[in-house]
N, C-alpha and C. Protein backbone atom coordinates (compact mmCIF):
# COMPACT_ATOMS: atom_id res chain seq x y z
N UNK A 1 88.55 97.48 122.01
CA UNK A 1 88.83 96.33 121.17
C UNK A 1 90.13 96.57 120.40
N UNK A 2 90.99 95.58 120.31
CA UNK A 2 92.25 95.75 119.57
C UNK A 2 91.99 95.94 118.08
N UNK A 3 92.88 96.67 117.45
CA UNK A 3 92.80 96.90 116.01
C UNK A 3 94.17 96.62 115.39
N UNK A 4 94.22 96.69 114.06
CA UNK A 4 95.49 96.59 113.36
C UNK A 4 95.46 97.54 112.17
N UNK A 5 96.64 97.89 111.70
CA UNK A 5 96.79 98.81 110.58
C UNK A 5 96.54 98.04 109.27
N UNK A 6 95.68 98.58 108.41
CA UNK A 6 95.42 98.00 107.10
C UNK A 6 95.77 99.04 106.03
N UNK A 7 96.67 98.67 105.13
CA UNK A 7 97.02 99.52 103.99
C UNK A 7 96.70 98.74 102.72
N UNK A 8 95.92 99.37 101.84
CA UNK A 8 95.59 98.77 100.55
C UNK A 8 96.10 99.71 99.47
N UNK A 9 96.97 99.19 98.61
CA UNK A 9 97.54 99.98 97.52
C UNK A 9 97.41 99.21 96.21
N UNK A 10 97.31 99.97 95.14
CA UNK A 10 97.33 99.38 93.80
C UNK A 10 98.43 100.08 93.02
N UNK A 11 98.63 99.66 91.81
CA UNK A 11 99.67 100.28 90.98
C UNK A 11 99.38 101.76 90.74
N UNK A 12 98.10 102.12 90.71
CA UNK A 12 97.72 103.49 90.40
C UNK A 12 97.68 104.43 91.60
N UNK A 13 97.39 103.86 92.82
CA UNK A 13 97.15 104.77 93.94
C UNK A 13 97.14 104.05 95.28
N UNK A 14 97.09 104.85 96.32
CA UNK A 14 96.92 104.36 97.68
C UNK A 14 95.42 104.36 97.94
N UNK A 15 94.81 103.21 98.13
CA UNK A 15 93.36 103.08 98.21
C UNK A 15 92.83 103.33 99.62
N UNK A 16 93.52 102.79 100.63
CA UNK A 16 93.01 102.90 102.00
C UNK A 16 94.14 102.72 103.00
N UNK A 17 94.03 103.43 104.12
CA UNK A 17 94.96 103.27 105.23
C UNK A 17 94.20 103.58 106.51
N UNK A 18 93.92 102.53 107.31
CA UNK A 18 93.10 102.69 108.51
C UNK A 18 93.46 101.68 109.57
N UNK A 19 93.11 102.00 110.80
CA UNK A 19 93.11 101.02 111.88
C UNK A 19 91.76 100.31 111.78
N UNK A 20 91.76 98.97 111.71
CA UNK A 20 90.53 98.22 111.52
C UNK A 20 90.42 97.09 112.55
N UNK A 21 89.20 96.57 112.69
CA UNK A 21 88.92 95.48 113.64
C UNK A 21 89.04 94.11 112.98
N UNK A 22 88.64 94.01 111.71
CA UNK A 22 88.56 92.72 111.02
C UNK A 22 88.69 92.95 109.53
N UNK A 23 89.30 91.99 108.86
CA UNK A 23 89.45 92.00 107.41
C UNK A 23 89.09 90.62 106.90
N UNK A 24 88.28 90.57 105.85
CA UNK A 24 88.00 89.30 105.16
C UNK A 24 88.43 89.50 103.71
N UNK A 25 89.34 88.63 103.24
CA UNK A 25 89.93 88.79 101.91
C UNK A 25 89.78 87.50 101.10
N UNK A 26 89.71 87.62 99.77
CA UNK A 26 89.54 86.46 98.89
C UNK A 26 90.87 85.79 98.53
N UNK A 27 91.33 84.90 99.37
CA UNK A 27 92.56 84.17 99.09
C UNK A 27 92.33 83.09 98.03
N UNK A 28 93.39 82.62 97.43
CA UNK A 28 93.25 81.59 96.40
C UNK A 28 92.73 80.27 96.97
N UNK A 29 92.90 80.05 98.26
CA UNK A 29 92.40 78.84 98.92
C UNK A 29 91.03 79.06 99.55
N UNK A 30 90.48 80.26 99.43
CA UNK A 30 89.18 80.58 100.02
C UNK A 30 89.27 81.88 100.79
N UNK A 31 88.15 82.32 101.34
CA UNK A 31 88.12 83.57 102.10
C UNK A 31 88.90 83.41 103.40
N UNK A 32 89.63 84.48 103.75
CA UNK A 32 90.43 84.48 104.97
C UNK A 32 90.00 85.65 105.85
N UNK A 33 89.74 85.36 107.12
CA UNK A 33 89.43 86.41 108.08
C UNK A 33 90.70 86.71 108.88
N UNK A 34 91.02 87.98 108.97
CA UNK A 34 92.22 88.42 109.68
C UNK A 34 91.79 89.29 110.85
N UNK A 35 92.28 88.95 112.03
CA UNK A 35 92.02 89.70 113.25
C UNK A 35 93.35 90.24 113.80
N UNK A 36 93.31 91.18 114.76
CA UNK A 36 94.55 91.66 115.36
C UNK A 36 95.38 90.49 115.91
N UNK A 37 96.69 90.63 115.85
CA UNK A 37 97.66 89.63 116.33
C UNK A 37 97.65 88.33 115.52
N UNK A 38 97.20 88.40 114.28
CA UNK A 38 97.21 87.22 113.41
C UNK A 38 98.66 86.78 113.15
N UNK A 39 98.85 85.50 112.98
CA UNK A 39 100.18 84.98 112.66
C UNK A 39 100.64 85.52 111.31
N UNK A 40 101.94 85.74 111.13
CA UNK A 40 102.45 86.22 109.85
C UNK A 40 102.05 85.30 108.70
N UNK A 41 101.75 85.92 107.56
CA UNK A 41 101.24 85.20 106.41
C UNK A 41 101.51 86.02 105.16
N UNK A 42 101.86 85.34 104.09
CA UNK A 42 101.97 85.98 102.77
C UNK A 42 101.18 85.11 101.82
N UNK A 43 100.23 85.69 101.11
CA UNK A 43 99.36 84.90 100.24
C UNK A 43 98.97 85.67 98.99
N UNK A 44 98.50 84.93 98.02
CA UNK A 44 98.00 85.49 96.76
C UNK A 44 96.49 85.70 96.93
N UNK A 45 96.01 86.81 96.42
CA UNK A 45 94.57 87.09 96.42
C UNK A 45 94.01 86.85 95.03
N UNK A 46 92.79 86.34 94.98
CA UNK A 46 92.11 86.17 93.71
C UNK A 46 91.12 87.34 93.55
N UNK A 47 90.59 87.54 92.37
CA UNK A 47 89.58 88.59 92.20
C UNK A 47 88.41 88.34 93.13
N UNK A 48 87.96 89.40 93.78
CA UNK A 48 86.84 89.26 94.70
C UNK A 48 86.62 90.49 95.54
N UNK A 49 85.96 90.25 96.65
CA UNK A 49 85.53 91.32 97.54
C UNK A 49 86.33 91.29 98.83
N UNK A 50 86.79 92.45 99.24
CA UNK A 50 87.43 92.61 100.55
C UNK A 50 86.40 93.28 101.45
N UNK A 51 86.19 92.70 102.63
CA UNK A 51 85.30 93.31 103.62
C UNK A 51 86.15 93.79 104.78
N UNK A 52 85.97 95.05 105.14
CA UNK A 52 86.72 95.66 106.22
C UNK A 52 85.72 96.10 107.29
N UNK A 53 85.98 95.72 108.54
CA UNK A 53 85.12 96.13 109.64
C UNK A 53 85.92 97.08 110.53
N UNK A 54 85.35 98.27 110.72
CA UNK A 54 85.97 99.29 111.57
C UNK A 54 84.86 99.90 112.42
N UNK A 55 85.03 99.84 113.73
CA UNK A 55 84.04 100.39 114.67
C UNK A 55 82.64 99.84 114.39
N UNK A 56 82.55 98.56 114.04
CA UNK A 56 81.26 97.92 113.80
C UNK A 56 80.64 98.19 112.45
N UNK A 57 81.28 98.98 111.62
CA UNK A 57 80.77 99.31 110.28
C UNK A 57 81.53 98.54 109.22
N UNK A 58 80.81 97.95 108.27
CA UNK A 58 81.43 97.23 107.16
C UNK A 58 81.66 98.17 105.99
N UNK A 59 82.80 97.99 105.32
CA UNK A 59 83.03 98.66 104.04
C UNK A 59 83.59 97.60 103.10
N UNK A 60 83.43 97.84 101.80
CA UNK A 60 83.76 96.83 100.81
C UNK A 60 84.63 97.41 99.70
N UNK A 61 85.56 96.59 99.23
CA UNK A 61 86.48 96.99 98.17
C UNK A 61 86.58 95.81 97.20
N UNK A 62 86.43 96.10 95.91
CA UNK A 62 86.60 95.06 94.88
C UNK A 62 88.07 95.06 94.47
N UNK A 63 88.67 93.86 94.43
CA UNK A 63 90.05 93.72 93.97
C UNK A 63 90.08 92.72 92.81
N UNK A 64 91.04 92.93 91.93
CA UNK A 64 91.17 92.01 90.79
C UNK A 64 92.29 91.01 90.99
N UNK A 65 92.74 90.88 92.23
CA UNK A 65 93.83 89.97 92.55
C UNK A 65 94.96 90.76 93.16
N UNK A 66 96.00 90.05 93.57
CA UNK A 66 97.16 90.71 94.16
C UNK A 66 97.80 89.85 95.23
N UNK A 67 98.40 90.52 96.20
CA UNK A 67 99.09 89.84 97.29
C UNK A 67 98.70 90.47 98.61
N UNK A 68 98.75 89.67 99.68
CA UNK A 68 98.47 90.18 101.01
C UNK A 68 99.56 89.70 101.96
N UNK A 69 100.14 90.65 102.69
CA UNK A 69 101.12 90.34 103.73
C UNK A 69 100.47 90.64 105.08
N UNK A 70 100.44 89.65 105.93
CA UNK A 70 99.85 89.81 107.26
C UNK A 70 100.97 89.72 108.30
N UNK A 71 101.03 90.72 109.14
CA UNK A 71 101.92 90.73 110.30
C UNK A 71 101.02 90.94 111.52
N UNK A 72 101.50 90.67 112.73
CA UNK A 72 100.61 90.77 113.89
C UNK A 72 99.90 92.12 114.06
N UNK A 73 100.54 93.21 113.69
CA UNK A 73 99.95 94.54 113.89
C UNK A 73 99.66 95.29 112.60
N UNK A 74 99.96 94.67 111.44
CA UNK A 74 99.77 95.38 110.17
C UNK A 74 99.49 94.40 109.04
N UNK A 75 98.56 94.79 108.17
CA UNK A 75 98.26 94.02 106.96
C UNK A 75 98.43 94.96 105.77
N UNK A 76 99.16 94.48 104.77
CA UNK A 76 99.34 95.25 103.54
C UNK A 76 98.80 94.44 102.38
N UNK A 77 97.93 95.06 101.60
CA UNK A 77 97.40 94.43 100.39
C UNK A 77 97.94 95.20 99.20
N UNK A 78 98.63 94.48 98.33
CA UNK A 78 99.11 95.03 97.06
C UNK A 78 98.18 94.47 95.98
N UNK A 79 97.21 95.26 95.58
CA UNK A 79 96.17 94.81 94.65
C UNK A 79 96.54 95.17 93.22
N UNK A 80 96.17 94.28 92.30
CA UNK A 80 96.33 94.61 90.88
C UNK A 80 95.50 95.85 90.57
N UNK A 81 94.23 95.81 90.94
CA UNK A 81 93.35 96.99 90.93
C UNK A 81 92.46 96.89 92.15
N UNK A 82 92.01 98.03 92.65
CA UNK A 82 91.12 98.05 93.82
C UNK A 82 90.19 99.25 93.70
N UNK A 83 88.89 98.99 93.96
CA UNK A 83 87.89 100.06 93.91
C UNK A 83 86.98 99.95 95.12
N UNK A 84 86.81 101.08 95.80
CA UNK A 84 85.86 101.13 96.91
C UNK A 84 84.44 101.11 96.35
N UNK A 85 83.52 100.69 97.20
CA UNK A 85 82.12 100.58 96.82
C UNK A 85 81.60 101.83 96.12
N UNK A 86 81.91 103.00 96.68
CA UNK A 86 81.38 104.25 96.12
C UNK A 86 82.05 104.66 94.80
N UNK A 87 83.08 103.96 94.38
CA UNK A 87 83.78 104.30 93.14
C UNK A 87 83.32 103.46 91.94
N UNK A 88 82.52 102.44 92.19
CA UNK A 88 82.16 101.51 91.12
C UNK A 88 80.91 101.98 90.38
N UNK A 89 81.02 102.07 89.08
CA UNK A 89 79.88 102.37 88.20
C UNK A 89 79.30 101.02 87.79
N UNK A 90 78.15 100.66 88.38
CA UNK A 90 77.60 99.32 88.16
C UNK A 90 77.20 99.07 86.70
N UNK A 91 76.71 100.10 86.02
CA UNK A 91 76.33 99.92 84.61
C UNK A 91 77.57 99.59 83.77
N UNK A 92 78.65 100.29 84.04
CA UNK A 92 79.90 100.02 83.32
C UNK A 92 80.43 98.62 83.64
N UNK A 93 80.34 98.22 84.90
CA UNK A 93 80.79 96.89 85.30
C UNK A 93 79.94 95.81 84.64
N UNK A 94 78.64 96.03 84.57
CA UNK A 94 77.76 95.04 83.92
C UNK A 94 78.04 94.96 82.42
N UNK A 95 78.35 96.09 81.78
CA UNK A 95 78.70 96.08 80.36
C UNK A 95 80.01 95.32 80.13
N UNK A 96 80.98 95.51 81.04
CA UNK A 96 82.26 94.79 80.92
C UNK A 96 82.05 93.30 81.12
N UNK A 97 81.17 92.93 82.04
CA UNK A 97 80.87 91.51 82.27
C UNK A 97 80.25 90.90 81.02
N UNK A 98 79.30 91.59 80.44
CA UNK A 98 78.63 91.09 79.23
C UNK A 98 79.63 90.92 78.09
N UNK A 99 80.51 91.91 77.93
CA UNK A 99 81.53 91.83 76.87
C UNK A 99 82.47 90.65 77.09
N UNK A 100 82.87 90.42 78.35
CA UNK A 100 83.76 89.29 78.66
C UNK A 100 83.05 87.97 78.39
N UNK A 101 81.78 87.88 78.76
CA UNK A 101 81.01 86.66 78.51
C UNK A 101 80.88 86.39 77.01
N UNK A 102 80.65 87.44 76.23
CA UNK A 102 80.53 87.28 74.78
C UNK A 102 81.86 86.85 74.15
N UNK A 103 82.97 87.42 74.63
CA UNK A 103 84.29 87.02 74.11
C UNK A 103 84.55 85.54 74.38
N UNK A 104 84.21 85.10 75.59
CA UNK A 104 84.44 83.70 75.95
C UNK A 104 83.52 82.78 75.15
N UNK A 105 82.26 83.19 74.99
CA UNK A 105 81.30 82.36 74.25
C UNK A 105 81.69 82.21 72.78
N UNK A 106 82.22 83.28 72.17
CA UNK A 106 82.60 83.21 70.76
C UNK A 106 83.92 82.47 70.57
N UNK A 107 84.77 82.51 71.58
CA UNK A 107 86.03 81.76 71.65
C UNK A 107 86.77 81.58 70.33
N UNK A 108 87.27 82.68 69.73
CA UNK A 108 88.11 82.50 68.55
C UNK A 108 89.37 81.71 68.92
N UNK A 109 89.92 81.02 67.97
CA UNK A 109 91.08 80.15 68.21
C UNK A 109 92.24 80.92 68.81
N UNK A 110 92.46 82.14 68.38
CA UNK A 110 93.61 82.91 68.85
C UNK A 110 93.32 83.73 70.12
N UNK A 111 92.16 83.52 70.75
CA UNK A 111 91.80 84.27 71.94
C UNK A 111 92.66 83.86 73.13
N UNK A 112 93.06 84.84 73.92
CA UNK A 112 93.78 84.59 75.16
C UNK A 112 92.74 84.29 76.24
N UNK A 113 92.45 83.00 76.44
CA UNK A 113 91.39 82.59 77.36
C UNK A 113 91.69 83.03 78.79
N UNK A 114 92.95 82.95 79.19
CA UNK A 114 93.32 83.36 80.55
C UNK A 114 92.96 84.83 80.78
N UNK A 115 93.27 85.65 79.82
CA UNK A 115 92.97 87.08 79.94
C UNK A 115 91.46 87.35 79.94
N UNK A 116 90.74 86.63 79.10
CA UNK A 116 89.28 86.80 79.05
C UNK A 116 88.63 86.37 80.36
N UNK A 117 89.10 85.26 80.94
CA UNK A 117 88.56 84.81 82.22
C UNK A 117 88.90 85.78 83.34
N UNK A 118 90.09 86.35 83.31
CA UNK A 118 90.47 87.35 84.32
C UNK A 118 89.55 88.57 84.23
N UNK A 119 89.24 88.98 83.02
CA UNK A 119 88.33 90.11 82.82
C UNK A 119 86.94 89.78 83.36
N UNK A 120 86.49 88.56 83.12
CA UNK A 120 85.20 88.10 83.61
C UNK A 120 85.17 88.13 85.14
N UNK A 121 86.18 87.58 85.79
CA UNK A 121 86.23 87.54 87.26
C UNK A 121 86.32 88.94 87.86
N UNK A 122 87.08 89.81 87.22
CA UNK A 122 87.21 91.19 87.71
C UNK A 122 85.84 91.88 87.65
N UNK A 123 85.12 91.71 86.55
CA UNK A 123 83.78 92.32 86.42
C UNK A 123 82.82 91.75 87.45
N UNK A 124 82.87 90.45 87.68
CA UNK A 124 81.99 89.84 88.67
C UNK A 124 82.25 90.39 90.06
N UNK A 125 83.51 90.58 90.42
CA UNK A 125 83.86 91.13 91.73
C UNK A 125 83.34 92.56 91.87
N UNK A 126 83.51 93.36 90.83
CA UNK A 126 83.05 94.75 90.88
C UNK A 126 81.53 94.81 91.05
N UNK A 127 80.82 93.95 90.33
CA UNK A 127 79.36 93.94 90.41
C UNK A 127 78.91 93.49 91.80
N UNK A 128 79.54 92.48 92.34
CA UNK A 128 79.18 92.00 93.69
C UNK A 128 79.31 93.12 94.72
N UNK A 129 80.40 93.86 94.66
CA UNK A 129 80.60 94.96 95.60
C UNK A 129 79.60 96.09 95.32
N UNK A 130 79.41 96.44 94.06
CA UNK A 130 78.50 97.54 93.72
C UNK A 130 77.07 97.24 94.14
N UNK A 131 76.65 96.01 94.08
CA UNK A 131 75.28 95.65 94.48
C UNK A 131 75.06 95.84 95.97
N UNK A 132 76.09 95.87 96.75
CA UNK A 132 75.94 96.12 98.19
C UNK A 132 75.38 97.51 98.43
N UNK A 133 75.69 98.44 97.55
CA UNK A 133 75.17 99.81 97.70
C UNK A 133 73.65 99.79 97.57
N UNK A 134 73.13 99.00 96.64
CA UNK A 134 71.69 98.91 96.44
C UNK A 134 70.99 98.27 97.64
N UNK A 135 71.68 97.38 98.33
CA UNK A 135 71.08 96.63 99.43
C UNK A 135 71.21 97.33 100.79
N UNK A 136 71.87 98.47 100.81
CA UNK A 136 72.04 99.19 102.08
C UNK A 136 70.80 100.02 102.38
N UNK A 137 70.33 99.99 103.63
CA UNK A 137 69.20 100.86 103.99
C UNK A 137 69.62 102.32 103.98
N UNK A 138 68.70 103.18 103.59
CA UNK A 138 69.00 104.62 103.54
C UNK A 138 68.81 105.28 104.88
């Protein structure tokens, strides 16, 4: 089966570099599935879950947004932040979600709503990915 090179990097580190079969990413217009030989594309990513399929196995990465460049043989994701499933502390993510929800609910006049909503979406993405670990058979 044909594959393509996938590189995922964030400002802090190089997250992943592999030959993969399929990528599903959270684009601003909706989820996008990328297969080998995909037409060139440059798009913005929203906070969410990236699903990578390699040799029939799924892996998941939470991103807080960024950009994705698709070329026929290579995809590069420049993520604001990116965490693999095994790196996410679900209790910490749930605490961050609760804090973001409380900030939005209290809504002081001088609050940066855009920043608070971004924090909320980032926490939701991390929790969604982290919960996949609980749902995997042992």
